[in-house]
Amino acid sequence: MNLEELKNSMSTLDDVLAKKDGGTINFNTAACNSAQSRVAKQYLKNIQMCSVLAVVFIILWISGTDNSSFPVAMKGFLGIFMLVAAVVYSFLYRFIKKIQTTTSTPMQIMKQVASLRLYALISEIIFAIVLAVFFTIFLSNLWVVGMYKFWLVAAALFISVVIAAFMLPKRIRDFRDLTAID
C-alpha cells in the first residue's frame, strides 16, 4: 500500500467516524438467537466433558493408581484442572444465557457480547498455556519411559490441534453472529 492509498483510507475512516446520523441499530434477532444457542450448546458440551474427565482423573488420583508413564501427581493436576475448566465454562454458559437480544438495548447487548468475548478469550488462552506446560512435562516423561508412547501421544496432540484449527473459524463466526445487524 503506498502513501496515497493510506491517505485516502484515513480520510474515508475519518468521514465514517465523524458521521453522526443518529440511526438506530437493529439486530437480526434470528441470527443472534441462533448463534447464542450454538455457543451455549458448545459451552454445555464443554462443561459435561470437563466434568466427566475431572471425575475420572480425581478418582484415579485418589485411588493412587500409579504407573511410570502417567504418575499420580499428573492425574491429580489434570483432575483439578478439568474441574476448574468446568467451573469456568459454567460461568461462560451462565453469562451467555443472560444475553437477551429481544428485550435489551443494542448498547447493552454489545457490551455483554464484548465482555463474553473477552472472558472467553482470556480463559482459552490460560487453558492453552496450562495445557502446553502440562503436555511439555508429560511428553518429556513419556520420552524417558518409551518413545513409542511419546510418538503416539504427540500424533494425537497434532491431530487435536488440526481439528481445533478447522473448528476455530466456525467459533469465530458464531461469536460474530451474536451481534448480527440487519
N, C-alpha and C. Protein backbone atom coordinates (compact mmCIF):
# COMPACT_ATOMS: atom_id res chain seq x y z
N MET A 1 0.86 -1.16 0.00
CA MET A 1 0.00 0.00 0.00
C MET A 1 0.91 1.23 0.00
N ASN A 2 0.68 2.15 -0.93
CA ASN A 2 1.51 3.35 -0.96
C ASN A 2 0.89 4.45 -0.11
N LEU A 3 1.58 5.59 -0.10
CA LEU A 3 1.19 6.69 0.78
C LEU A 3 -0.16 7.30 0.39
N GLU A 4 -0.44 7.41 -0.89
CA GLU A 4 -1.71 7.98 -1.34
C GLU A 4 -2.90 7.12 -0.94
N GLU A 5 -2.75 5.78 -1.09
CA GLU A 5 -3.82 4.88 -0.68
C GLU A 5 -4.07 4.98 0.82
N LEU A 6 -2.99 5.11 1.58
CA LEU A 6 -3.13 5.25 3.02
C LEU A 6 -3.85 6.54 3.38
N LYS A 7 -3.52 7.63 2.71
CA LYS A 7 -4.20 8.90 2.97
C LYS A 7 -5.69 8.80 2.64
N ASN A 8 -6.01 8.19 1.50
CA ASN A 8 -7.42 8.03 1.12
C ASN A 8 -8.17 7.17 2.13
N SER A 9 -7.53 6.10 2.58
CA SER A 9 -8.17 5.22 3.57
C SER A 9 -8.40 5.96 4.88
N MET A 10 -7.42 6.75 5.29
CA MET A 10 -7.56 7.51 6.54
C MET A 10 -8.65 8.57 6.43
N SER A 11 -8.74 9.23 5.28
CA SER A 11 -9.79 10.25 5.13
C SER A 11 -11.17 9.60 5.10
N THR A 12 -11.29 8.42 4.48
CA THR A 12 -12.55 7.70 4.49
C THR A 12 -12.92 7.28 5.90
N LEU A 13 -11.94 6.81 6.65
CA LEU A 13 -12.17 6.41 8.04
C LEU A 13 -12.60 7.62 8.87
N ASP A 14 -11.95 8.75 8.67
CA ASP A 14 -12.34 9.98 9.40
C ASP A 14 -13.77 10.38 9.07
N ASP A 15 -14.16 10.25 7.80
CA ASP A 15 -15.52 10.59 7.40
C ASP A 15 -16.54 9.67 8.06
N VAL A 16 -16.23 8.40 8.11
CA VAL A 16 -17.14 7.43 8.73
C VAL A 16 -17.25 7.68 10.23
N LEU A 17 -16.12 7.95 10.88
CA LEU A 17 -16.16 8.20 12.32
C LEU A 17 -16.85 9.52 12.66
N ALA A 18 -16.76 10.50 11.78
CA ALA A 18 -17.38 11.80 12.05
C ALA A 18 -18.88 11.79 11.79
N LYS A 19 -19.37 10.80 11.09
CA LYS A 19 -20.79 10.75 10.74
C LYS A 19 -21.61 10.45 12.00
N LYS A 20 -22.58 11.31 12.24
CA LYS A 20 -23.44 11.14 13.41
C LYS A 20 -24.87 11.30 12.95
N ASP A 21 -25.39 10.29 12.28
CA ASP A 21 -26.74 10.41 11.76
C ASP A 21 -27.80 10.00 12.77
N GLY A 22 -27.40 9.41 13.88
CA GLY A 22 -28.36 9.05 14.91
C GLY A 22 -29.24 7.87 14.54
N GLY A 23 -28.87 7.10 13.53
CA GLY A 23 -29.66 5.95 13.12
C GLY A 23 -29.65 4.87 14.18
N THR A 24 -30.71 4.13 14.23
CA THR A 24 -30.80 3.06 15.21
C THR A 24 -30.16 1.80 14.67
N ILE A 25 -29.73 0.98 15.59
CA ILE A 25 -29.14 -0.30 15.24
C ILE A 25 -30.20 -1.37 15.47
N ASN A 26 -30.45 -2.16 14.46
CA ASN A 26 -31.40 -3.25 14.59
C ASN A 26 -30.66 -4.57 14.39
N PHE A 27 -30.72 -5.40 15.41
CA PHE A 27 -30.07 -6.70 15.33
C PHE A 27 -30.96 -7.68 14.60
N ASN A 28 -30.33 -8.58 13.89
CA ASN A 28 -31.03 -9.69 13.27
C ASN A 28 -31.26 -10.72 14.37
N THR A 29 -32.42 -10.67 15.00
CA THR A 29 -32.66 -11.49 16.19
C THR A 29 -32.60 -12.98 15.89
N ALA A 30 -33.00 -13.37 14.71
CA ALA A 30 -32.94 -14.80 14.37
C ALA A 30 -31.49 -15.28 14.33
N ALA A 31 -30.63 -14.50 13.69
CA ALA A 31 -29.21 -14.88 13.61
C ALA A 31 -28.55 -14.79 14.98
N CYS A 32 -28.90 -13.77 15.76
CA CYS A 32 -28.33 -13.61 17.09
C CYS A 32 -28.75 -14.75 18.02
N ASN A 33 -30.02 -15.09 17.99
CA ASN A 33 -30.51 -16.17 18.85
C ASN A 33 -29.93 -17.52 18.43
N SER A 34 -29.80 -17.72 17.14
CA SER A 34 -29.21 -18.97 16.65
C SER A 34 -27.74 -19.08 17.07
N ALA A 35 -27.00 -18.00 16.93
CA ALA A 35 -25.60 -18.01 17.34
C ALA A 35 -25.48 -18.19 18.85
N GLN A 36 -26.39 -17.54 19.59
CA GLN A 36 -26.38 -17.68 21.04
C GLN A 36 -26.63 -19.13 21.45
N SER A 37 -27.56 -19.78 20.81
CA SER A 37 -27.85 -21.17 21.16
C SER A 37 -26.69 -22.09 20.76
N ARG A 38 -26.02 -21.82 19.65
CA ARG A 38 -24.87 -22.64 19.25
C ARG A 38 -23.71 -22.49 20.24
N VAL A 39 -23.43 -21.25 20.65
CA VAL A 39 -22.35 -21.03 21.61
C VAL A 39 -22.71 -21.64 22.97
N ALA A 40 -23.95 -21.46 23.39
CA ALA A 40 -24.38 -22.04 24.67
C ALA A 40 -24.31 -23.56 24.63
N LYS A 41 -24.69 -24.15 23.51
CA LYS A 41 -24.62 -25.61 23.37
C LYS A 41 -23.17 -26.08 23.44
N GLN A 42 -22.26 -25.33 22.82
CA GLN A 42 -20.84 -25.69 22.87
C GLN A 42 -20.31 -25.61 24.30
N TYR A 43 -20.70 -24.56 25.01
CA TYR A 43 -20.26 -24.44 26.41
C TYR A 43 -20.85 -25.55 27.27
N LEU A 44 -22.09 -25.93 27.00
CA LEU A 44 -22.70 -27.02 27.75
C LEU A 44 -21.96 -28.33 27.51
N LYS A 45 -21.59 -28.58 26.26
CA LYS A 45 -20.80 -29.78 25.95
C LYS A 45 -19.44 -29.73 26.65
N ASN A 46 -18.82 -28.56 26.69
CA ASN A 46 -17.53 -28.43 27.37
C ASN A 46 -17.67 -28.68 28.87
N ILE A 47 -18.76 -28.19 29.46
CA ILE A 47 -19.00 -28.43 30.88
C ILE A 47 -19.12 -29.92 31.16
N GLN A 48 -19.92 -30.60 30.35
CA GLN A 48 -20.11 -32.04 30.55
C GLN A 48 -18.81 -32.81 30.36
N MET A 49 -18.07 -32.49 29.31
CA MET A 49 -16.82 -33.19 29.02
C MET A 49 -15.80 -32.97 30.14
N CYS A 50 -15.63 -31.71 30.55
CA CYS A 50 -14.65 -31.41 31.60
C CYS A 50 -15.06 -32.03 32.94
N SER A 51 -16.35 -32.05 33.22
CA SER A 51 -16.83 -32.64 34.47
C SER A 51 -16.55 -34.14 34.52
N VAL A 52 -16.85 -34.83 33.44
CA VAL A 52 -16.60 -36.27 33.39
C VAL A 52 -15.10 -36.56 33.52
N LEU A 53 -14.29 -35.82 32.77
CA LEU A 53 -12.85 -36.03 32.85
C LEU A 53 -12.30 -35.69 34.24
N ALA A 54 -12.86 -34.65 34.87
CA ALA A 54 -12.43 -34.29 36.22
C ALA A 54 -12.73 -35.42 37.20
N VAL A 55 -13.92 -35.99 37.10
CA VAL A 55 -14.28 -37.09 38.00
C VAL A 55 -13.36 -38.29 37.78
N VAL A 56 -13.11 -38.63 36.52
CA VAL A 56 -12.25 -39.78 36.21
C VAL A 56 -10.84 -39.57 36.76
N PHE A 57 -10.25 -38.41 36.49
CA PHE A 57 -8.87 -38.19 36.93
C PHE A 57 -8.76 -38.00 38.43
N ILE A 58 -9.78 -37.43 39.06
CA ILE A 58 -9.74 -37.31 40.52
C ILE A 58 -9.88 -38.67 41.17
N ILE A 59 -10.72 -39.53 40.62
CA ILE A 59 -10.82 -40.90 41.16
C ILE A 59 -9.50 -41.64 40.99
N LEU A 60 -8.87 -41.51 39.82
CA LEU A 60 -7.57 -42.15 39.62
C LEU A 60 -6.51 -41.57 40.56
N TRP A 61 -6.60 -40.28 40.83
CA TRP A 61 -5.64 -39.63 41.73
C TRP A 61 -5.83 -40.12 43.16
N ILE A 62 -7.10 -40.16 43.61
CA ILE A 62 -7.39 -40.58 44.98
C ILE A 62 -7.08 -42.06 45.17
N SER A 63 -7.36 -42.87 44.14
CA SER A 63 -7.10 -44.31 44.27
C SER A 63 -5.61 -44.62 44.30
N GLY A 64 -4.80 -43.70 43.79
CA GLY A 64 -3.35 -43.89 43.86
C GLY A 64 -2.80 -44.83 42.81
N THR A 65 -3.56 -45.10 41.76
CA THR A 65 -3.03 -45.94 40.69
C THR A 65 -1.86 -45.21 40.03
N ASP A 66 -0.74 -45.88 40.00
CA ASP A 66 0.48 -45.24 39.52
C ASP A 66 1.15 -46.12 38.48
N ASN A 67 1.61 -45.48 37.44
CA ASN A 67 2.49 -46.15 36.50
C ASN A 67 3.53 -45.14 36.06
N SER A 68 4.58 -45.61 35.46
CA SER A 68 5.71 -44.73 35.16
C SER A 68 5.40 -43.70 34.08
N SER A 69 4.50 -44.01 33.17
CA SER A 69 4.23 -43.07 32.09
C SER A 69 3.22 -41.99 32.49
N PHE A 70 2.39 -42.24 33.49
CA PHE A 70 1.39 -41.25 33.91
C PHE A 70 1.30 -41.26 35.44
N PRO A 71 2.19 -40.53 36.11
CA PRO A 71 2.24 -40.55 37.58
C PRO A 71 0.97 -39.98 38.23
N VAL A 72 0.83 -40.28 39.50
CA VAL A 72 -0.35 -39.88 40.27
C VAL A 72 -0.45 -38.36 40.33
N ALA A 73 0.66 -37.67 40.47
CA ALA A 73 0.62 -36.21 40.57
C ALA A 73 0.03 -35.59 39.30
N MET A 74 0.35 -36.14 38.16
CA MET A 74 -0.20 -35.63 36.91
C MET A 74 -1.70 -35.88 36.82
N LYS A 75 -2.14 -37.01 37.34
CA LYS A 75 -3.57 -37.30 37.36
C LYS A 75 -4.31 -36.31 38.26
N GLY A 76 -3.72 -36.00 39.41
CA GLY A 76 -4.31 -35.02 40.31
C GLY A 76 -4.37 -33.64 39.68
N PHE A 77 -3.28 -33.23 39.05
CA PHE A 77 -3.25 -31.93 38.39
C PHE A 77 -4.30 -31.86 37.29
N LEU A 78 -4.38 -32.90 36.47
CA LEU A 78 -5.34 -32.92 35.37
C LEU A 78 -6.78 -32.93 35.87
N GLY A 79 -7.04 -33.66 36.97
CA GLY A 79 -8.38 -33.68 37.56
C GLY A 79 -8.79 -32.31 38.07
N ILE A 80 -7.88 -31.65 38.77
CA ILE A 80 -8.19 -30.32 39.30
C ILE A 80 -8.33 -29.32 38.16
N PHE A 81 -7.48 -29.41 37.16
CA PHE A 81 -7.56 -28.52 36.01
C PHE A 81 -8.90 -28.69 35.28
N MET A 82 -9.32 -29.92 35.09
CA MET A 82 -10.60 -30.15 34.41
C MET A 82 -11.78 -29.65 35.25
N LEU A 83 -11.67 -29.76 36.55
CA LEU A 83 -12.71 -29.23 37.43
C LEU A 83 -12.78 -27.70 37.32
N VAL A 84 -11.63 -27.05 37.32
CA VAL A 84 -11.59 -25.59 37.16
C VAL A 84 -12.14 -25.20 35.79
N ALA A 85 -11.78 -25.95 34.75
CA ALA A 85 -12.29 -25.66 33.40
C ALA A 85 -13.80 -25.80 33.36
N ALA A 86 -14.35 -26.81 34.02
CA ALA A 86 -15.80 -26.97 34.06
C ALA A 86 -16.47 -25.79 34.75
N VAL A 87 -15.86 -25.29 35.80
CA VAL A 87 -16.42 -24.12 36.50
C VAL A 87 -16.36 -22.88 35.62
N VAL A 88 -15.24 -22.69 34.92
CA VAL A 88 -15.11 -21.52 34.03
C VAL A 88 -16.12 -21.61 32.89
N TYR A 89 -16.27 -22.79 32.30
CA TYR A 89 -17.26 -22.94 31.23
C TYR A 89 -18.68 -22.76 31.77
N SER A 90 -18.93 -23.13 33.01
CA SER A 90 -20.24 -22.87 33.62
C SER A 90 -20.49 -21.38 33.74
N PHE A 91 -19.46 -20.65 34.15
CA PHE A 91 -19.58 -19.20 34.23
C PHE A 91 -19.88 -18.60 32.85
N LEU A 92 -19.15 -19.04 31.83
CA LEU A 92 -19.39 -18.53 30.48
C LEU A 92 -20.77 -18.92 29.97
N TYR A 93 -21.22 -20.12 30.31
CA TYR A 93 -22.57 -20.57 29.91
C TYR A 93 -23.63 -19.68 30.54
N ARG A 94 -23.49 -19.40 31.83
CA ARG A 94 -24.45 -18.52 32.51
C ARG A 94 -24.40 -17.12 31.92
N PHE A 95 -23.20 -16.68 31.57
CA PHE A 95 -23.04 -15.33 31.01
C PHE A 95 -23.74 -15.22 29.67
N ILE A 96 -23.61 -16.25 28.82
CA ILE A 96 -24.26 -16.16 27.50
C ILE A 96 -25.77 -16.33 27.61
N LYS A 97 -26.23 -17.06 28.60
CA LYS A 97 -27.67 -17.21 28.78
C LYS A 97 -28.32 -15.92 29.29
N LYS A 98 -27.54 -15.02 29.91
CA LYS A 98 -28.07 -13.75 30.39
C LYS A 98 -28.34 -12.77 29.25
N ILE A 99 -27.73 -12.97 28.10
CA ILE A 99 -27.90 -12.03 26.99
C ILE A 99 -29.30 -12.20 26.42
N GLN A 100 -30.08 -11.13 26.46
CA GLN A 100 -31.45 -11.12 25.95
C GLN A 100 -31.51 -10.20 24.74
N THR A 101 -31.44 -10.77 23.55
CA THR A 101 -31.40 -9.95 22.34
C THR A 101 -32.72 -9.28 22.04
N THR A 102 -33.81 -9.79 22.55
CA THR A 102 -35.12 -9.21 22.22
C THR A 102 -35.51 -8.08 23.18
N THR A 103 -35.06 -8.11 24.41
CA THR A 103 -35.51 -7.11 25.39
C THR A 103 -34.45 -6.08 25.74
N SER A 104 -33.19 -6.35 25.53
CA SER A 104 -32.12 -5.42 25.89
C SER A 104 -31.90 -4.39 24.79
N THR A 105 -31.29 -3.29 25.18
CA THR A 105 -30.93 -2.27 24.20
C THR A 105 -29.70 -2.73 23.43
N PRO A 106 -29.51 -2.21 22.23
CA PRO A 106 -28.33 -2.61 21.45
C PRO A 106 -27.01 -2.36 22.18
N MET A 107 -26.92 -1.26 22.91
CA MET A 107 -25.68 -0.97 23.64
C MET A 107 -25.43 -2.00 24.73
N GLN A 108 -26.49 -2.42 25.43
CA GLN A 108 -26.33 -3.45 26.46
C GLN A 108 -25.89 -4.77 25.84
N ILE A 109 -26.50 -5.12 24.73
CA ILE A 109 -26.15 -6.38 24.06
C ILE A 109 -24.70 -6.34 23.60
N MET A 110 -24.30 -5.23 23.00
CA MET A 110 -22.92 -5.15 22.51
C MET A 110 -21.93 -5.18 23.66
N LYS A 111 -22.27 -4.56 24.79
CA LYS A 111 -21.41 -4.58 25.96
C LYS A 111 -21.30 -6.00 26.52
N GLN A 112 -22.43 -6.70 26.62
CA GLN A 112 -22.43 -8.06 27.14
C GLN A 112 -21.65 -9.00 26.23
N VAL A 113 -21.83 -8.86 24.93
CA VAL A 113 -21.12 -9.73 23.98
C VAL A 113 -19.63 -9.43 24.00
N ALA A 114 -19.27 -8.16 24.12
CA ALA A 114 -17.85 -7.81 24.19
C ALA A 114 -17.22 -8.39 25.45
N SER A 115 -17.94 -8.32 26.57
CA SER A 115 -17.43 -8.91 27.81
C SER A 115 -17.30 -10.42 27.69
N LEU A 116 -18.30 -11.05 27.08
CA LEU A 116 -18.25 -12.50 26.88
C LEU A 116 -17.05 -12.89 26.01
N ARG A 117 -16.84 -12.14 24.94
CA ARG A 117 -15.70 -12.42 24.06
C ARG A 117 -14.39 -12.29 24.82
N LEU A 118 -14.28 -11.25 25.64
CA LEU A 118 -13.06 -11.05 26.41
C LEU A 118 -12.83 -12.18 27.41
N TYR A 119 -13.87 -12.54 28.16
CA TYR A 119 -13.74 -13.62 29.14
C TYR A 119 -13.42 -14.95 28.46
N ALA A 120 -14.07 -15.21 27.34
CA ALA A 120 -13.81 -16.46 26.62
C ALA A 120 -12.38 -16.50 26.10
N LEU A 121 -11.91 -15.40 25.55
CA LEU A 121 -10.56 -15.35 25.02
C LEU A 121 -9.52 -15.51 26.12
N ILE A 122 -9.72 -14.81 27.23
CA ILE A 122 -8.78 -14.92 28.35
C ILE A 122 -8.75 -16.34 28.88
N SER A 123 -9.92 -16.95 29.07
CA SER A 123 -9.94 -18.31 29.62
C SER A 123 -9.31 -19.31 28.65
N GLU A 124 -9.58 -19.17 27.36
CA GLU A 124 -8.99 -20.11 26.40
C GLU A 124 -7.47 -19.96 26.32
N ILE A 125 -6.98 -18.72 26.42
CA ILE A 125 -5.52 -18.51 26.41
C ILE A 125 -4.89 -19.12 27.65
N ILE A 126 -5.50 -18.92 28.81
CA ILE A 126 -4.97 -19.51 30.04
C ILE A 126 -5.01 -21.03 29.97
N PHE A 127 -6.12 -21.59 29.47
CA PHE A 127 -6.20 -23.05 29.32
C PHE A 127 -5.12 -23.57 28.38
N ALA A 128 -4.89 -22.86 27.29
CA ALA A 128 -3.87 -23.29 26.33
C ALA A 128 -2.48 -23.26 26.95
N ILE A 129 -2.19 -22.24 27.74
CA ILE A 129 -0.88 -22.15 28.39
C ILE A 129 -0.71 -23.28 29.39
N VAL A 130 -1.73 -23.51 30.21
CA VAL A 130 -1.64 -24.58 31.21
C VAL A 130 -1.48 -25.94 30.53
N LEU A 131 -2.24 -26.18 29.47
CA LEU A 131 -2.13 -27.46 28.76
C LEU A 131 -0.78 -27.60 28.06
N ALA A 132 -0.23 -26.50 27.57
CA ALA A 132 1.10 -26.56 26.94
C ALA A 132 2.16 -26.95 27.97
N VAL A 133 2.07 -26.36 29.16
CA VAL A 133 3.01 -26.73 30.22
C VAL A 133 2.81 -28.18 30.64
N PHE A 134 1.56 -28.59 30.81
CA PHE A 134 1.28 -29.97 31.20
C PHE A 134 1.82 -30.96 30.17
N PHE A 135 1.51 -30.73 28.90
CA PHE A 135 1.95 -31.69 27.89
C PHE A 135 3.45 -31.65 27.66
N THR A 136 4.09 -30.53 27.95
CA THR A 136 5.55 -30.49 27.89
C THR A 136 6.15 -31.43 28.94
N ILE A 137 5.63 -31.34 30.14
CA ILE A 137 6.10 -32.22 31.21
C ILE A 137 5.73 -33.67 30.92
N PHE A 138 4.48 -33.88 30.49
CA PHE A 138 4.01 -35.23 30.21
C PHE A 138 4.80 -35.89 29.08
N LEU A 139 5.03 -35.15 28.00
CA LEU A 139 5.78 -35.71 26.87
C LEU A 139 7.24 -35.96 27.20
N SER A 140 7.83 -35.08 28.03
CA SER A 140 9.22 -35.35 28.43
C SER A 140 9.29 -36.60 29.29
N ASN A 141 8.27 -36.84 30.11
CA ASN A 141 8.20 -38.06 30.90
C ASN A 141 8.02 -39.28 29.99
N LEU A 142 7.17 -39.14 28.98
CA LEU A 142 6.97 -40.25 28.04
C LEU A 142 8.22 -40.54 27.21
N TRP A 143 8.99 -39.51 26.90
CA TRP A 143 10.22 -39.70 26.13
C TRP A 143 11.19 -40.60 26.90
N VAL A 144 11.24 -40.41 28.22
CA VAL A 144 12.13 -41.21 29.06
C VAL A 144 11.59 -42.63 29.19
N VAL A 145 10.28 -42.78 29.34
CA VAL A 145 9.66 -44.08 29.58
C VAL A 145 9.63 -44.93 28.32
N GLY A 146 9.15 -44.37 27.23
CA GLY A 146 9.05 -45.14 26.00
C GLY A 146 8.79 -44.24 24.81
N MET A 147 9.60 -44.37 23.81
CA MET A 147 9.47 -43.49 22.65
C MET A 147 8.21 -43.80 21.85
N TYR A 148 7.77 -45.05 21.85
CA TYR A 148 6.56 -45.40 21.12
C TYR A 148 5.36 -44.65 21.69
N LYS A 149 5.25 -44.61 23.03
CA LYS A 149 4.16 -43.89 23.67
C LYS A 149 4.26 -42.39 23.40
N PHE A 150 5.48 -41.88 23.40
CA PHE A 150 5.69 -40.47 23.10
C PHE A 150 5.15 -40.11 21.73
N TRP A 151 5.53 -40.88 20.72
CA TRP A 151 5.10 -40.56 19.35
C TRP A 151 3.60 -40.75 19.17
N LEU A 152 3.03 -41.71 19.87
CA LEU A 152 1.58 -41.91 19.81
C LEU A 152 0.82 -40.71 20.38
N VAL A 153 1.25 -40.24 21.55
CA VAL A 153 0.61 -39.08 22.17
C VAL A 153 0.88 -37.82 21.35
N ALA A 154 2.09 -37.67 20.83
CA ALA A 154 2.41 -36.49 20.01
C ALA A 154 1.54 -36.45 18.75
N ALA A 155 1.32 -37.60 18.13
CA ALA A 155 0.47 -37.65 16.94
C ALA A 155 -0.98 -37.30 17.30
N ALA A 156 -1.46 -37.80 18.43
CA ALA A 156 -2.82 -37.47 18.87
C ALA A 156 -2.96 -35.98 19.16
N LEU A 157 -1.94 -35.39 19.77
CA LEU A 157 -1.97 -33.95 20.02
C LEU A 157 -1.97 -33.15 18.72
N PHE A 158 -1.18 -33.59 17.76
CA PHE A 158 -1.14 -32.91 16.46
C PHE A 158 -2.50 -32.97 15.77
N ILE A 159 -3.12 -34.13 15.80
CA ILE A 159 -4.45 -34.28 15.20
C ILE A 159 -5.47 -33.39 15.92
N SER A 160 -5.37 -33.31 17.24
CA SER A 160 -6.28 -32.45 18.01
C SER A 160 -6.10 -30.98 17.65
N VAL A 161 -4.87 -30.55 17.46
CA VAL A 161 -4.61 -29.16 17.09
C VAL A 161 -5.14 -28.87 15.70
N VAL A 162 -5.00 -29.81 14.77
CA VAL A 162 -5.52 -29.62 13.41
C VAL A 162 -7.04 -29.53 13.43
N ILE A 163 -7.68 -30.39 14.18
CA ILE A 163 -9.15 -30.35 14.29
C ILE A 163 -9.60 -29.03 14.91
N ALA A 164 -8.91 -28.58 15.95
CA ALA A 164 -9.25 -27.30 16.57
C ALA A 164 -9.06 -26.14 15.60
N ALA A 165 -8.04 -26.21 14.76
CA ALA A 165 -7.81 -25.15 13.78
C ALA A 165 -8.93 -25.10 12.75
N PHE A 166 -9.49 -26.26 12.39
CA PHE A 166 -10.62 -26.28 11.46
C PHE A 166 -11.90 -25.79 12.12
N MET A 167 -12.05 -26.00 13.42
CA MET A 167 -13.25 -25.58 14.13
C MET A 167 -13.22 -24.11 14.52
N LEU A 168 -12.05 -23.50 14.56
CA LEU A 168 -11.92 -22.12 15.01
C LEU A 168 -12.71 -21.12 14.16
N PRO A 169 -12.68 -21.19 12.82
CA PRO A 169 -13.48 -20.22 12.05
C PRO A 169 -14.98 -20.28 12.35
N LYS A 170 -15.50 -21.47 12.60
CA LYS A 170 -16.92 -21.61 12.93
C LYS A 170 -17.21 -20.94 14.27
N ARG A 171 -16.32 -21.10 15.20
CA ARG A 171 -16.50 -20.50 16.52
C ARG A 171 -16.42 -18.98 16.43
N ILE A 172 -15.49 -18.48 15.62
CA ILE A 172 -15.38 -17.03 15.42
C ILE A 172 -16.64 -16.50 14.77
N ARG A 173 -17.17 -17.22 13.79
CA ARG A 173 -18.40 -16.81 13.12
C ARG A 173 -19.57 -16.77 14.10
N ASP A 174 -19.64 -17.76 14.99
CA ASP A 174 -20.72 -17.77 15.97
C ASP A 174 -20.64 -16.55 16.90
N PHE A 175 -19.44 -16.20 17.34
CA PHE A 175 -19.29 -15.03 18.20
C PHE A 175 -19.58 -13.75 17.43
N ARG A 176 -19.22 -13.72 16.16
CA ARG A 176 -19.52 -12.54 15.34
C ARG A 176 -21.03 -12.41 15.12
N ASP A 177 -21.70 -13.53 14.96
CA ASP A 177 -23.15 -13.51 14.72
C ASP A 177 -23.97 -13.14 15.95
N LEU A 178 -23.32 -13.11 17.13
CA LEU A 178 -24.04 -12.70 18.33
C LEU A 178 -24.52 -11.26 18.23
N THR A 179 -23.86 -10.47 17.39
CA THR A 179 -24.27 -9.08 17.19
C THR A 179 -24.54 -8.82 15.71
N ALA A 180 -25.20 -9.76 15.04
CA ALA A 180 -25.51 -9.61 13.63
C ALA A 180 -26.54 -8.50 13.44
N ILE A 181 -26.22 -7.58 12.54
CA ILE A 181 -27.09 -6.45 12.28
C ILE A 181 -27.86 -6.69 11.00
N ASP A 182 -29.14 -6.27 10.97
CA ASP A 182 -29.98 -6.43 9.78
C ASP A 182 -29.37 -5.74 8.59
